[in-house]
Amino acid sequence: MVAAVLDDVDSSPLPAHEKLLIRFVDKVNSDSPSITVADMQPLYAAGWDDNAIYYAITVCALFNFYNRWIDATGVHPLSPEAHRHGAKRSATVGYARK
């Protein structure tokens, strides 16, 4: 699923309302100064509320922050095995650690 979305969100199996949110997050990532209220209207029409949009923006912003922080501080990236282990853990117990 992730590979299909990364390859081409439009032809991916995501539901239409999720594709809208992904396209919006892409704009947040690439051209946030141009975002206006008009960009929100399709999201509202698809059923997303302010909280969902806020969290989508926040997650995008935090990942940008973390990536730049890691790049600039020289923190070593995780190995592919560590990513696989983390993905399995997230799939079984969720994303947040308790």
C-alpha atoms as a PDB file:
ATOM      1  CA  MET A   1       0.000   0.000   0.000  1.00  0.00           C
ATOM      2  CA  VAL A   2       2.730   2.474   0.963  1.00  0.00           C
ATOM      3  CA  ALA A   3       4.701   1.730  -2.189  1.00  0.00           C
ATOM      4  CA  ALA A   4       1.586   2.249  -4.324  1.00  0.00           C
ATOM      5  CA  VAL A   5       0.878   5.613  -2.675  1.00  0.00           C
ATOM      6  CA  LEU A   6       4.483   6.751  -3.007  1.00  0.00           C
ATOM      7  CA  ASP A   7       4.573   5.626  -6.627  1.00  0.00           C
ATOM      8  CA  ASP A   8       1.325   7.374  -7.647  1.00  0.00           C
ATOM      9  CA  VAL A   9      -1.285   8.459  -5.134  1.00  0.00           C
ATOM     10  CA  ASP A  10      -3.920   8.844  -7.861  1.00  0.00           C
ATOM     11  CA  SER A  11      -3.747   5.201  -8.967  1.00  0.00           C
ATOM     12  CA  SER A  12      -3.199   3.849  -5.445  1.00  0.00           C
ATOM     13  CA  PRO A  13      -5.934   1.908  -3.636  1.00  0.00           C
ATOM     14  CA  LEU A  14      -6.463   4.677  -1.080  1.00  0.00           C
ATOM     15  CA  PRO A  15     -10.033   5.942  -0.720  1.00  0.00           C
ATOM     16  CA  ALA A  16     -10.696   9.244  -2.516  1.00  0.00           C
ATOM     17  CA  HIS A  17     -10.964  11.263   0.715  1.00  0.00           C
ATOM     18  CA  GLU A  18      -7.534  10.019   1.849  1.00  0.00           C
ATOM     19  CA  LYS A  19      -6.013  10.869  -1.540  1.00  0.00           C
ATOM     20  CA  LEU A  20      -7.252  14.440  -1.060  1.00  0.00           C
ATOM     21  CA  LEU A  21      -5.529  14.644   2.309  1.00  0.00           C
ATOM     22  CA  ILE A  22      -2.283  13.201   0.909  1.00  0.00           C
ATOM     23  CA  ARG A  23      -2.318  15.768  -1.924  1.00  0.00           C
ATOM     24  CA  PHE A  24      -2.902  18.531   0.632  1.00  0.00           C
ATOM     25  CA  VAL A  25       0.002  17.295   2.789  1.00  0.00           C
ATOM     26  CA  ASP A  26       2.177  17.241  -0.334  1.00  0.00           C
ATOM     27  CA  LYS A  27       1.344  20.929  -0.810  1.00  0.00           C
ATOM     28  CA  VAL A  28       2.112  21.591   2.870  1.00  0.00           C
ATOM     29  CA  ASN A  29       5.475  19.936   2.307  1.00  0.00           C
ATOM     30  CA  SER A  30       6.354  21.645  -0.959  1.00  0.00           C
ATOM     31  CA  ASP A  31       4.539  24.992  -1.047  1.00  0.00           C
ATOM     32  CA  SER A  32       3.057  25.859   2.351  1.00  0.00           C
ATOM     33  CA  PRO A  33       3.190  29.662   1.874  1.00  0.00           C
ATOM     34  CA  SER A  34       0.617  29.402  -0.922  1.00  0.00           C
ATOM     35  CA  ILE A  35      -1.988  27.506   1.124  1.00  0.00           C
ATOM     36  CA  THR A  36      -5.266  29.381   1.508  1.00  0.00           C
ATOM     37  CA  VAL A  37      -8.730  28.686   2.878  1.00  0.00           C
ATOM     38  CA  ALA A  38      -9.654  27.475  -0.609  1.00  0.00           C
ATOM     39  CA  ASP A  39      -7.253  24.546  -0.137  1.00  0.00           C
ATOM     40  CA  MET A  40      -9.304  23.430   2.877  1.00  0.00           C
ATOM     41  CA  GLN A  41     -12.697  23.388   1.148  1.00  0.00           C
ATOM     42  CA  PRO A  42     -12.239  20.048  -0.689  1.00  0.00           C
ATOM     43  CA  LEU A  43     -11.033  18.512   2.575  1.00  0.00           C
ATOM     44  CA  TYR A  44     -14.115  19.692   4.452  1.00  0.00           C
ATOM     45  CA  ALA A  45     -16.345  18.474   1.616  1.00  0.00           C
ATOM     46  CA  ALA A  46     -14.693  15.048   1.864  1.00  0.00           C
ATOM     47  CA  GLY A  47     -15.452  14.860   5.592  1.00  0.00           C
ATOM     48  CA  TRP A  48     -12.175  15.984   7.148  1.00  0.00           C
ATOM     49  CA  ASP A  49     -12.514  18.350  10.087  1.00  0.00           C
ATOM     50  CA  ASP A  50     -10.190  21.003  11.494  1.00  0.00           C
ATOM     51  CA  ASN A  51      -8.605  18.531  13.936  1.00  0.00           C
ATOM     52  CA  ALA A  52      -7.703  16.060  11.191  1.00  0.00           C
ATOM     53  CA  ILE A  53      -6.272  18.816   8.998  1.00  0.00           C
ATOM     54  CA  TYR A  54      -4.335  20.253  11.949  1.00  0.00           C
ATOM     55  CA  TYR A  55      -2.831  16.845  12.750  1.00  0.00           C
ATOM     56  CA  ALA A  56      -1.913  16.228   9.104  1.00  0.00           C
ATOM     57  CA  ILE A  57      -0.114  19.591   8.959  1.00  0.00           C
ATOM     58  CA  THR A  58       1.583  18.926  12.294  1.00  0.00           C
ATOM     59  CA  VAL A  59       2.838  15.468  11.323  1.00  0.00           C
ATOM     60  CA  CYS A  60       4.215  16.836   8.051  1.00  0.00           C
ATOM     61  CA  ALA A  61       5.939  19.707   9.845  1.00  0.00           C
ATOM     62  CA  LEU A  62       7.421  17.463  12.543  1.00  0.00           C
ATOM     63  CA  PHE A  63       8.834  15.002  10.025  1.00  0.00           C
ATOM     64  CA  ASN A  64      10.429  17.909   8.151  1.00  0.00           C
ATOM     65  CA  PHE A  65      11.895  19.175  11.416  1.00  0.00           C
ATOM     66  CA  TYR A  66      13.229  15.757  12.431  1.00  0.00           C
ATOM     67  CA  ASN A  67      14.751  15.076   9.026  1.00  0.00           C
ATOM     68  CA  ARG A  68      16.538  18.427   8.971  1.00  0.00           C
ATOM     69  CA  TRP A  69      17.695  18.019  12.577  1.00  0.00           C
ATOM     70  CA  ILE A  70      19.058  14.538  11.869  1.00  0.00           C
ATOM     71  CA  ASP A  71      20.777  15.706   8.684  1.00  0.00           C
ATOM     72  CA  ALA A  72      22.370  18.732  10.342  1.00  0.00           C
ATOM     73  CA  THR A  73      23.499  16.999  13.545  1.00  0.00           C
ATOM     74  CA  GLY A  74      24.967  13.952  11.874  1.00  0.00           C
ATOM     75  CA  VAL A  75      22.752  11.434  13.633  1.00  0.00           C
ATOM     76  CA  HIS A  76      23.136   8.135  11.845  1.00  0.00           C
ATOM     77  CA  PRO A  77      20.007   6.805  10.106  1.00  0.00           C
ATOM     78  CA  LEU A  78      18.445   3.549  11.260  1.00  0.00           C
ATOM     79  CA  SER A  79      19.410   0.390   9.447  1.00  0.00           C
ATOM     80  CA  PRO A  80      16.874  -1.332   7.199  1.00  0.00           C
ATOM     81  CA  GLU A  81      16.550  -4.056   9.866  1.00  0.00           C
ATOM     82  CA  ALA A  82      15.783  -1.461  12.558  1.00  0.00           C
ATOM     83  CA  HIS A  83      13.105   0.071  10.300  1.00  0.00           C
ATOM     84  CA  ARG A  84      11.563  -3.389   9.730  1.00  0.00           C
ATOM     85  CA  HIS A  85      11.553  -4.069  13.484  1.00  0.00           C
ATOM     86  CA  GLY A  86       9.923  -0.686  14.172  1.00  0.00           C
ATOM     87  CA  ALA A  87       7.317  -1.266  11.471  1.00  0.00           C
ATOM     88  CA  LYS A  88       6.413  -4.660  12.930  1.00  0.00           C
ATOM     89  CA  ARG A  89       6.118  -3.148  16.402  1.00  0.00           C
ATOM     90  CA  SER A  90       3.914  -0.310  15.113  1.00  0.00           C
ATOM     91  CA  ALA A  91       1.707  -2.779  13.232  1.00  0.00           C
ATOM     92  CA  THR A  92       1.125  -4.886  16.334  1.00  0.00           C
ATOM     93  CA  VAL A  93       1.004  -2.357  19.187  1.00  0.00           C
ATOM     94  CA  GLY A  94       0.463   0.983  17.437  1.00  0.00           C
ATOM     95  CA  TYR A  95       2.671   3.970  16.726  1.00  0.00           C
ATOM     96  CA  ALA A  96       2.813   5.536  20.189  1.00  0.00           C
ATOM     97  CA  ARG A  97       4.959   4.003  22.885  1.00  0.00           C
ATOM     98  CA  LYS A  98       3.351   3.654  26.283  1.00  0.00           C
END
